[in-house]
Amino acid sequence: MLKFIPHTVLSPDLAVILSNYIAEEFGHVAFVRQRSWAIPDWVVLLEEQAEIVAFCNVVEREVTLNGKPCKIAGINNVITPKAHRGKGYSSRVLRETTSFLFDELKADYGLLLCADALVPFYERLGWYTVNSHLVYDQPQGKEVYDSNIMLLARKNHEKIYPKTIDLNGLPW
């Protein structure tokens, strides 16, 4: 069963479980440990037989693309716990989240920040890489993101390739 849960109403127990999965998956990555991150607005949770088999987070944000405001749905922490990998669960979560991003949240585009090894995975799901100058906030000021930036356009909508992106807040 797929659930779209506002982050503000997560039970403390579920919040701890998800945080533990995130720490296990990304806690060893220096880039992740050395940054402050946005608190998500939504958790997309896929369960089978009352067990978490995959999830991701969604951040709603008005960002600036080429100096113009744009409503973005940011995706982060796409995780399938180790015991459930290789069964297509993360792909399912992302496919089913697409209509939520565009139809429910009314986002203009989806945006994610991506490690090199994961680019092909997201490309298979319709995401595309942009070569943009992306900046985001940190407690000490603006920083430049220097890895893969991927966008997702609505079905039958034109892809855009902005020169500049300002996340107008913490990264996700």
N, C-alpha and C. Protein backbone atom coordinates (compact mmCIF):
# COMPACT_ATOMS: atom_id res chain seq x y z
N MET A 1 0.83 -1.17 0.00
CA MET A 1 0.00 0.00 0.00
C MET A 1 0.88 1.24 0.00
N LEU A 2 0.60 2.18 -0.88
CA LEU A 2 1.35 3.43 -0.99
C LEU A 2 0.62 4.53 -0.22
N LYS A 3 1.36 5.23 0.62
CA LYS A 3 0.79 6.30 1.43
C LYS A 3 1.56 7.60 1.20
N PHE A 4 0.84 8.71 1.13
CA PHE A 4 1.43 10.04 1.06
C PHE A 4 1.14 10.70 2.40
N ILE A 5 2.17 10.85 3.22
CA ILE A 5 1.99 11.30 4.60
C ILE A 5 2.65 12.66 4.80
N PRO A 6 1.90 13.66 5.27
CA PRO A 6 2.56 14.92 5.61
C PRO A 6 3.62 14.66 6.69
N HIS A 7 4.79 15.21 6.50
CA HIS A 7 5.89 14.97 7.44
C HIS A 7 5.51 15.39 8.85
N THR A 8 4.71 16.43 8.96
CA THR A 8 4.34 16.95 10.28
C THR A 8 3.49 15.99 11.10
N VAL A 9 2.89 14.98 10.47
CA VAL A 9 2.04 14.05 11.22
C VAL A 9 2.66 12.65 11.36
N LEU A 10 3.92 12.51 10.99
CA LEU A 10 4.58 11.21 11.19
C LEU A 10 4.58 10.87 12.67
N SER A 11 4.31 9.63 12.98
CA SER A 11 4.42 9.21 14.38
C SER A 11 5.89 9.25 14.78
N PRO A 12 6.18 9.50 16.05
CA PRO A 12 7.59 9.49 16.48
C PRO A 12 8.30 8.17 16.14
N ASP A 13 7.59 7.06 16.28
CA ASP A 13 8.21 5.75 15.98
C ASP A 13 8.57 5.63 14.50
N LEU A 14 7.64 6.03 13.62
CA LEU A 14 7.92 5.96 12.19
C LEU A 14 9.03 6.93 11.81
N ALA A 15 9.05 8.11 12.39
CA ALA A 15 10.12 9.08 12.11
C ALA A 15 11.48 8.50 12.46
N VAL A 16 11.58 7.79 13.57
CA VAL A 16 12.85 7.18 13.99
C VAL A 16 13.25 6.07 13.01
N ILE A 17 12.30 5.24 12.63
CA ILE A 17 12.59 4.15 11.68
C ILE A 17 13.12 4.72 10.37
N LEU A 18 12.45 5.73 9.82
CA LEU A 18 12.89 6.33 8.55
C LEU A 18 14.24 7.01 8.71
N SER A 19 14.44 7.71 9.82
CA SER A 19 15.75 8.35 10.07
C SER A 19 16.86 7.32 10.13
N ASN A 20 16.58 6.17 10.72
CA ASN A 20 17.60 5.11 10.79
C ASN A 20 17.93 4.58 9.40
N TYR A 21 16.92 4.38 8.55
CA TYR A 21 17.19 3.95 7.17
C TYR A 21 18.03 4.98 6.43
N ILE A 22 17.70 6.26 6.62
CA ILE A 22 18.44 7.34 5.94
C ILE A 22 19.89 7.36 6.43
N ALA A 23 20.09 7.25 7.74
CA ALA A 23 21.45 7.24 8.30
C ALA A 23 22.24 6.04 7.79
N GLU A 24 21.59 4.89 7.70
CA GLU A 24 22.27 3.69 7.20
C GLU A 24 22.68 3.85 5.74
N GLU A 25 21.82 4.48 4.95
CA GLU A 25 22.07 4.62 3.52
C GLU A 25 23.05 5.75 3.20
N PHE A 26 22.92 6.88 3.88
CA PHE A 26 23.70 8.07 3.50
C PHE A 26 24.60 8.62 4.61
N GLY A 27 24.54 8.06 5.80
CA GLY A 27 25.30 8.59 6.93
C GLY A 27 26.80 8.56 6.77
N HIS A 28 27.30 7.69 5.92
CA HIS A 28 28.74 7.59 5.71
C HIS A 28 29.26 8.58 4.65
N VAL A 29 28.36 9.26 3.95
CA VAL A 29 28.75 10.16 2.86
C VAL A 29 29.13 11.52 3.45
N ALA A 30 30.39 11.92 3.26
CA ALA A 30 30.89 13.16 3.84
C ALA A 30 30.05 14.37 3.40
N PHE A 31 29.71 14.45 2.13
CA PHE A 31 28.92 15.57 1.62
C PHE A 31 27.61 15.70 2.41
N VAL A 32 26.99 14.59 2.71
CA VAL A 32 25.71 14.59 3.45
C VAL A 32 25.94 15.02 4.89
N ARG A 33 26.95 14.47 5.54
CA ARG A 33 27.22 14.79 6.94
C ARG A 33 27.60 16.25 7.14
N GLN A 34 28.20 16.86 6.14
CA GLN A 34 28.74 18.22 6.28
C GLN A 34 27.75 19.32 5.91
N ARG A 35 26.50 18.98 5.66
CA ARG A 35 25.51 19.96 5.24
C ARG A 35 24.26 19.91 6.11
N SER A 36 23.56 21.03 6.13
CA SER A 36 22.23 21.10 6.72
C SER A 36 21.24 20.83 5.60
N TRP A 37 20.17 20.08 5.91
CA TRP A 37 19.22 19.64 4.90
C TRP A 37 17.81 20.08 5.25
N ALA A 38 17.00 20.30 4.23
CA ALA A 38 15.61 20.69 4.42
C ALA A 38 14.81 19.57 5.05
N ILE A 39 13.86 19.94 5.87
CA ILE A 39 12.91 18.97 6.40
C ILE A 39 11.86 18.76 5.32
N PRO A 40 11.55 17.52 4.97
CA PRO A 40 10.59 17.28 3.89
C PRO A 40 9.18 17.70 4.30
N ASP A 41 8.36 17.94 3.30
CA ASP A 41 6.95 18.23 3.52
C ASP A 41 6.13 16.95 3.52
N TRP A 42 6.58 15.96 2.76
CA TRP A 42 5.84 14.71 2.58
C TRP A 42 6.78 13.52 2.66
N VAL A 43 6.24 12.40 3.13
CA VAL A 43 6.90 11.11 3.03
C VAL A 43 5.99 10.22 2.18
N VAL A 44 6.59 9.60 1.18
CA VAL A 44 5.86 8.65 0.34
C VAL A 44 6.34 7.27 0.78
N LEU A 45 5.42 6.49 1.31
CA LEU A 45 5.76 5.25 1.98
C LEU A 45 5.06 4.08 1.29
N LEU A 46 5.84 3.09 0.89
CA LEU A 46 5.29 1.87 0.31
C LEU A 46 5.46 0.74 1.32
N GLU A 47 4.34 0.13 1.68
CA GLU A 47 4.37 -0.98 2.63
C GLU A 47 3.74 -2.21 2.00
N GLU A 48 4.28 -3.35 2.37
CA GLU A 48 3.68 -4.63 2.02
C GLU A 48 3.63 -5.46 3.29
N GLN A 49 2.47 -5.96 3.61
CA GLN A 49 2.26 -6.75 4.82
C GLN A 49 2.78 -6.00 6.05
N ALA A 50 2.43 -4.71 6.12
CA ALA A 50 2.78 -3.83 7.24
C ALA A 50 4.29 -3.63 7.41
N GLU A 51 5.06 -3.89 6.36
CA GLU A 51 6.51 -3.70 6.41
C GLU A 51 6.91 -2.65 5.37
N ILE A 52 7.80 -1.74 5.76
CA ILE A 52 8.29 -0.71 4.83
C ILE A 52 9.17 -1.38 3.80
N VAL A 53 8.81 -1.23 2.51
CA VAL A 53 9.63 -1.81 1.45
C VAL A 53 10.31 -0.74 0.60
N ALA A 54 9.85 0.51 0.69
CA ALA A 54 10.51 1.63 0.00
C ALA A 54 9.86 2.92 0.46
N PHE A 55 10.61 4.02 0.33
CA PHE A 55 10.05 5.33 0.63
C PHE A 55 10.90 6.40 -0.02
N CYS A 56 10.34 7.60 -0.07
CA CYS A 56 11.10 8.80 -0.46
C CYS A 56 10.46 9.99 0.23
N ASN A 57 11.15 11.10 0.19
CA ASN A 57 10.64 12.34 0.74
C ASN A 57 10.39 13.33 -0.38
N VAL A 58 9.46 14.26 -0.13
CA VAL A 58 9.15 15.31 -1.08
C VAL A 58 9.22 16.65 -0.35
N VAL A 59 9.91 17.60 -0.97
CA VAL A 59 9.99 18.97 -0.47
C VAL A 59 9.28 19.87 -1.47
N GLU A 60 8.31 20.64 -0.99
CA GLU A 60 7.64 21.63 -1.85
C GLU A 60 8.38 22.96 -1.67
N ARG A 61 8.70 23.58 -2.79
CA ARG A 61 9.48 24.82 -2.70
C ARG A 61 9.29 25.68 -3.93
N GLU A 62 9.26 26.99 -3.74
CA GLU A 62 9.36 27.90 -4.87
C GLU A 62 10.84 28.23 -5.04
N VAL A 63 11.41 27.75 -6.12
CA VAL A 63 12.82 28.00 -6.42
C VAL A 63 12.88 29.05 -7.53
N THR A 64 14.09 29.45 -7.85
CA THR A 64 14.27 30.42 -8.92
C THR A 64 15.03 29.75 -10.06
N LEU A 65 14.42 29.72 -11.24
CA LEU A 65 15.05 29.19 -12.44
C LEU A 65 15.29 30.36 -13.38
N ASN A 66 16.55 30.59 -13.71
CA ASN A 66 16.90 31.72 -14.58
C ASN A 66 16.29 33.02 -14.08
N GLY A 67 16.27 33.21 -12.76
CA GLY A 67 15.78 34.44 -12.16
C GLY A 67 14.27 34.53 -12.01
N LYS A 68 13.54 33.49 -12.40
CA LYS A 68 12.07 33.51 -12.33
C LYS A 68 11.58 32.44 -11.35
N PRO A 69 10.54 32.76 -10.56
CA PRO A 69 10.02 31.78 -9.61
C PRO A 69 9.36 30.60 -10.31
N CYS A 70 9.51 29.43 -9.69
CA CYS A 70 8.97 28.20 -10.27
C CYS A 70 8.65 27.25 -9.11
N LYS A 71 7.45 26.66 -9.13
CA LYS A 71 7.08 25.70 -8.08
C LYS A 71 7.70 24.34 -8.39
N ILE A 72 8.51 23.88 -7.45
CA ILE A 72 9.26 22.64 -7.61
C ILE A 72 8.86 21.65 -6.52
N ALA A 73 8.81 20.39 -6.89
CA ALA A 73 8.69 19.31 -5.91
C ALA A 73 10.03 18.59 -5.91
N GLY A 74 10.74 18.70 -4.81
CA GLY A 74 12.05 18.08 -4.69
C GLY A 74 11.95 16.69 -4.10
N ILE A 75 12.67 15.77 -4.68
CA ILE A 75 12.69 14.38 -4.21
C ILE A 75 14.02 14.12 -3.51
N ASN A 76 13.96 13.45 -2.37
CA ASN A 76 15.20 13.01 -1.73
C ASN A 76 14.99 11.71 -0.97
N ASN A 77 16.09 11.15 -0.55
CA ASN A 77 16.09 9.93 0.26
C ASN A 77 15.19 8.84 -0.32
N VAL A 78 15.41 8.51 -1.58
CA VAL A 78 14.72 7.38 -2.19
C VAL A 78 15.43 6.12 -1.69
N ILE A 79 14.74 5.36 -0.86
CA ILE A 79 15.40 4.23 -0.19
C ILE A 79 14.52 2.99 -0.22
N THR A 80 15.15 1.88 -0.56
CA THR A 80 14.57 0.55 -0.38
C THR A 80 15.44 -0.15 0.65
N PRO A 81 14.89 -0.54 1.79
CA PRO A 81 15.70 -1.27 2.77
C PRO A 81 16.35 -2.51 2.12
N LYS A 82 17.54 -2.83 2.57
CA LYS A 82 18.35 -3.88 1.94
C LYS A 82 17.60 -5.19 1.71
N ALA A 83 16.76 -5.59 2.62
CA ALA A 83 16.05 -6.87 2.50
C ALA A 83 15.04 -6.88 1.35
N HIS A 84 14.72 -5.71 0.80
CA HIS A 84 13.69 -5.63 -0.23
C HIS A 84 14.21 -5.14 -1.58
N ARG A 85 15.49 -5.02 -1.72
CA ARG A 85 16.07 -4.49 -2.96
C ARG A 85 15.92 -5.48 -4.11
N GLY A 86 15.93 -4.92 -5.33
CA GLY A 86 15.88 -5.73 -6.53
C GLY A 86 14.49 -6.17 -6.92
N LYS A 87 13.48 -5.60 -6.29
CA LYS A 87 12.10 -5.99 -6.57
C LYS A 87 11.30 -4.86 -7.23
N GLY A 88 11.98 -3.74 -7.55
CA GLY A 88 11.31 -2.64 -8.24
C GLY A 88 10.52 -1.70 -7.34
N TYR A 89 10.72 -1.79 -6.04
CA TYR A 89 9.92 -0.97 -5.13
C TYR A 89 10.21 0.53 -5.26
N SER A 90 11.48 0.91 -5.34
CA SER A 90 11.79 2.34 -5.48
C SER A 90 11.26 2.88 -6.80
N SER A 91 11.37 2.09 -7.86
CA SER A 91 10.82 2.52 -9.15
C SER A 91 9.31 2.75 -9.03
N ARG A 92 8.64 1.84 -8.35
CA ARG A 92 7.19 1.98 -8.18
C ARG A 92 6.86 3.25 -7.39
N VAL A 93 7.59 3.48 -6.29
CA VAL A 93 7.35 4.68 -5.49
C VAL A 93 7.50 5.93 -6.35
N LEU A 94 8.56 6.00 -7.14
CA LEU A 94 8.79 7.18 -7.96
C LEU A 94 7.76 7.33 -9.07
N ARG A 95 7.40 6.24 -9.72
CA ARG A 95 6.38 6.31 -10.78
C ARG A 95 5.06 6.82 -10.21
N GLU A 96 4.66 6.27 -9.08
CA GLU A 96 3.38 6.65 -8.50
C GLU A 96 3.42 8.03 -7.84
N THR A 97 4.60 8.48 -7.47
CA THR A 97 4.74 9.81 -6.89
C THR A 97 4.62 10.89 -7.96
N THR A 98 4.93 10.57 -9.21
CA THR A 98 4.90 11.55 -10.29
C THR A 98 3.54 12.25 -10.38
N SER A 99 2.45 11.50 -10.38
CA SER A 99 1.14 12.16 -10.49
C SER A 99 0.86 12.99 -9.24
N PHE A 100 1.32 12.57 -8.09
CA PHE A 100 1.16 13.35 -6.86
C PHE A 100 1.86 14.70 -7.00
N LEU A 101 3.09 14.69 -7.53
CA LEU A 101 3.85 15.93 -7.68
C LEU A 101 3.12 16.94 -8.56
N PHE A 102 2.61 16.44 -9.68
CA PHE A 102 2.03 17.35 -10.66
C PHE A 102 0.54 17.60 -10.45
N ASP A 103 -0.22 16.57 -10.12
CA ASP A 103 -1.67 16.73 -10.00
C ASP A 103 -2.10 17.24 -8.63
N GLU A 104 -1.50 16.73 -7.58
CA GLU A 104 -1.89 17.14 -6.23
C GLU A 104 -1.14 18.38 -5.75
N LEU A 105 0.19 18.36 -5.91
CA LEU A 105 1.00 19.48 -5.43
C LEU A 105 1.08 20.63 -6.42
N LYS A 106 0.69 20.37 -7.66
CA LYS A 106 0.69 21.39 -8.72
C LYS A 106 2.10 21.93 -8.99
N ALA A 107 3.10 21.07 -8.87
CA ALA A 107 4.48 21.47 -9.16
C ALA A 107 4.66 21.66 -10.66
N ASP A 108 5.53 22.59 -11.01
CA ASP A 108 5.87 22.80 -12.42
C ASP A 108 6.87 21.74 -12.89
N TYR A 109 7.79 21.36 -11.99
CA TYR A 109 8.81 20.35 -12.29
C TYR A 109 9.18 19.62 -11.01
N GLY A 110 9.74 18.43 -11.18
CA GLY A 110 10.38 17.73 -10.09
C GLY A 110 11.87 18.02 -10.18
N LEU A 111 12.57 18.01 -9.04
CA LEU A 111 14.02 18.26 -9.03
C LEU A 111 14.66 17.36 -7.99
N LEU A 112 15.77 16.76 -8.38
CA LEU A 112 16.54 16.00 -7.41
C LEU A 112 18.02 16.20 -7.65
N LEU A 113 18.78 16.01 -6.58
CA LEU A 113 20.24 16.08 -6.62
C LEU A 113 20.72 14.64 -6.54
N CYS A 114 21.63 14.26 -7.44
CA CYS A 114 21.84 12.83 -7.68
C CYS A 114 23.32 12.45 -7.77
N ALA A 115 23.64 11.32 -7.17
CA ALA A 115 24.98 10.74 -7.30
C ALA A 115 25.14 10.16 -8.70
N ASP A 116 26.36 10.14 -9.20
CA ASP A 116 26.65 9.65 -10.55
C ASP A 116 26.06 8.27 -10.83
N ALA A 117 26.23 7.36 -9.88
CA ALA A 117 25.80 5.98 -10.10
C ALA A 117 24.29 5.83 -10.27
N LEU A 118 23.52 6.80 -9.79
CA LEU A 118 22.06 6.70 -9.84
C LEU A 118 21.41 7.38 -11.03
N VAL A 119 22.19 8.12 -11.81
CA VAL A 119 21.62 8.83 -12.97
C VAL A 119 20.87 7.88 -13.90
N PRO A 120 21.43 6.73 -14.31
CA PRO A 120 20.69 5.84 -15.21
C PRO A 120 19.36 5.36 -14.63
N PHE A 121 19.33 5.10 -13.34
CA PHE A 121 18.08 4.68 -12.68
C PHE A 121 17.00 5.74 -12.86
N TYR A 122 17.33 6.98 -12.55
CA TYR A 122 16.33 8.05 -12.67
C TYR A 122 15.98 8.34 -14.13
N GLU A 123 16.95 8.24 -15.02
CA GLU A 123 16.65 8.45 -16.45
C GLU A 123 15.62 7.45 -16.95
N ARG A 124 15.69 6.22 -16.49
CA ARG A 124 14.69 5.21 -16.90
C ARG A 124 13.28 5.60 -16.46
N LEU A 125 13.19 6.46 -15.47
CA LEU A 125 11.89 6.88 -14.94
C LEU A 125 11.47 8.25 -15.47
N GLY A 126 12.19 8.76 -16.47
CA GLY A 126 11.79 10.00 -17.12
C GLY A 126 12.52 11.26 -16.65
N TRP A 127 13.37 11.14 -15.66
CA TRP A 127 14.16 12.29 -15.19
C TRP A 127 15.26 12.56 -16.20
N TYR A 128 15.71 13.81 -16.29
CA TYR A 128 16.79 14.17 -17.20
C TYR A 128 17.76 15.12 -16.52
N THR A 129 19.02 15.02 -16.91
CA THR A 129 20.08 15.82 -16.31
C THR A 129 20.13 17.21 -16.94
N VAL A 130 20.36 18.20 -16.10
CA VAL A 130 20.57 19.57 -16.58
C VAL A 130 21.94 20.04 -16.11
N ASN A 131 22.57 20.85 -16.92
CA ASN A 131 23.87 21.41 -16.59
C ASN A 131 23.66 22.84 -16.14
N SER A 132 23.17 22.99 -14.92
CA SER A 132 22.82 24.30 -14.38
C SER A 132 23.78 24.68 -13.26
N HIS A 133 23.92 25.98 -13.06
CA HIS A 133 24.63 26.51 -11.90
C HIS A 133 23.60 26.56 -10.77
N LEU A 134 23.70 25.63 -9.80
CA LEU A 134 22.72 25.53 -8.73
C LEU A 134 23.32 26.00 -7.43
N VAL A 135 22.59 26.88 -6.73
CA VAL A 135 23.02 27.34 -5.40
C VAL A 135 21.93 27.00 -4.39
N TYR A 136 22.37 26.80 -3.16
CA TYR A 136 21.46 26.47 -2.06
C TYR A 136 21.98 27.13 -0.79
N ASP A 137 21.12 27.24 0.19
CA ASP A 137 21.47 27.88 1.45
C ASP A 137 22.12 26.89 2.41
N GLN A 138 23.02 27.42 3.21
CA GLN A 138 23.61 26.74 4.35
C GLN A 138 23.72 27.79 5.45
N PRO A 139 23.89 27.38 6.70
CA PRO A 139 23.96 28.36 7.78
C PRO A 139 25.01 29.45 7.55
N GLN A 140 26.10 29.12 6.87
CA GLN A 140 27.17 30.09 6.64
C GLN A 140 26.98 30.89 5.35
N GLY A 141 25.92 30.62 4.59
CA GLY A 141 25.66 31.36 3.34
C GLY A 141 25.35 30.43 2.18
N LYS A 142 25.36 30.99 0.99
CA LYS A 142 25.06 30.22 -0.23
C LYS A 142 26.24 29.32 -0.59
N GLU A 143 25.91 28.12 -1.10
CA GLU A 143 26.92 27.20 -1.62
C GLU A 143 26.50 26.76 -3.01
N VAL A 144 27.50 26.32 -3.79
CA VAL A 144 27.26 25.84 -5.15
C VAL A 144 27.26 24.32 -5.14
N TYR A 145 26.27 23.73 -5.79
CA TYR A 145 26.19 22.28 -5.93
C TYR A 145 26.93 21.88 -7.20
N ASP A 146 27.83 20.92 -7.10
CA ASP A 146 28.68 20.60 -8.24
C ASP A 146 28.56 19.16 -8.71
N SER A 147 27.39 18.57 -8.54
CA SER A 147 27.18 17.23 -9.05
C SER A 147 25.93 17.21 -9.92
N ASN A 148 25.29 16.05 -10.06
CA ASN A 148 24.17 15.89 -10.99
C ASN A 148 22.88 16.53 -10.48
N ILE A 149 22.27 17.30 -11.35
CA ILE A 149 20.98 17.92 -11.10
C ILE A 149 20.03 17.32 -12.12
N MET A 150 18.90 16.80 -11.63
CA MET A 150 17.94 16.18 -12.54
C MET A 150 16.57 16.82 -12.37
N LEU A 151 15.88 16.97 -13.49
CA LEU A 151 14.52 17.51 -13.50
C LEU A 151 13.57 16.47 -14.06
N LEU A 152 12.31 16.63 -13.72
CA LEU A 152 11.24 15.81 -14.26
C LEU A 152 10.15 16.75 -14.74
N ALA A 153 9.80 16.66 -16.01
CA ALA A 153 8.75 17.50 -16.58
C ALA A 153 7.43 16.72 -16.57
N ARG A 154 6.35 17.46 -16.54
CA ARG A 154 5.03 16.83 -16.68
C ARG A 154 4.99 16.08 -18.00
N LYS A 155 4.20 15.03 -18.05
CA LYS A 155 4.02 14.28 -19.28
C LYS A 155 3.49 15.24 -20.36
N ASN A 156 4.05 15.13 -21.54
CA ASN A 156 3.68 15.96 -22.70
C ASN A 156 4.02 17.44 -22.53
N HIS A 157 4.90 17.77 -21.58
CA HIS A 157 5.38 19.14 -21.43
C HIS A 157 6.84 19.20 -21.87
N GLU A 158 7.21 20.36 -22.32
CA GLU A 158 8.58 20.57 -22.81
C GLU A 158 9.59 20.52 -21.66
N LYS A 159 10.72 19.88 -21.92
CA LYS A 159 11.81 19.88 -20.97
C LYS A 159 12.46 21.27 -20.99
N ILE A 160 12.94 21.71 -19.84
CA ILE A 160 13.66 22.98 -19.76
C ILE A 160 15.09 22.69 -19.31
N TYR A 161 15.97 23.59 -19.66
CA TYR A 161 17.38 23.46 -19.31
C TYR A 161 17.86 24.80 -18.76
N PRO A 162 17.52 25.11 -17.50
CA PRO A 162 17.88 26.41 -16.95
C PRO A 162 19.39 26.56 -16.77
N LYS A 163 19.86 27.79 -17.00
CA LYS A 163 21.28 28.08 -16.77
C LYS A 163 21.56 28.20 -15.27
N THR A 164 20.60 28.77 -14.54
CA THR A 164 20.78 28.96 -13.11
C THR A 164 19.57 28.44 -12.33
N ILE A 165 19.85 27.89 -11.16
CA ILE A 165 18.81 27.43 -10.23
C ILE A 165 19.24 27.87 -8.84
N ASP A 166 18.33 28.56 -8.14
CA ASP A 166 18.54 28.86 -6.73
C ASP A 166 17.45 28.14 -5.96
N LEU A 167 17.84 27.24 -5.07
CA LEU A 167 16.86 26.47 -4.31
C LEU A 167 16.11 27.33 -3.29
N ASN A 168 16.59 28.55 -3.05
CA ASN A 168 15.94 29.46 -2.10
C ASN A 168 15.72 28.81 -0.74
N GLY A 169 16.70 28.06 -0.31
CA GLY A 169 16.62 27.39 0.98
C GLY A 169 17.62 26.25 1.04
N LEU A 170 17.47 25.45 2.06
CA LEU A 170 18.36 24.31 2.26
C LEU A 170 18.14 23.28 1.15
N PRO A 171 19.16 22.51 0.81
CA PRO A 171 18.99 21.44 -0.19
C PRO A 171 18.17 20.30 0.42
N TRP A 172 17.72 19.42 -0.48
CA TRP A 172 16.96 18.24 -0.03
C TRP A 172 17.57 16.97 -0.54
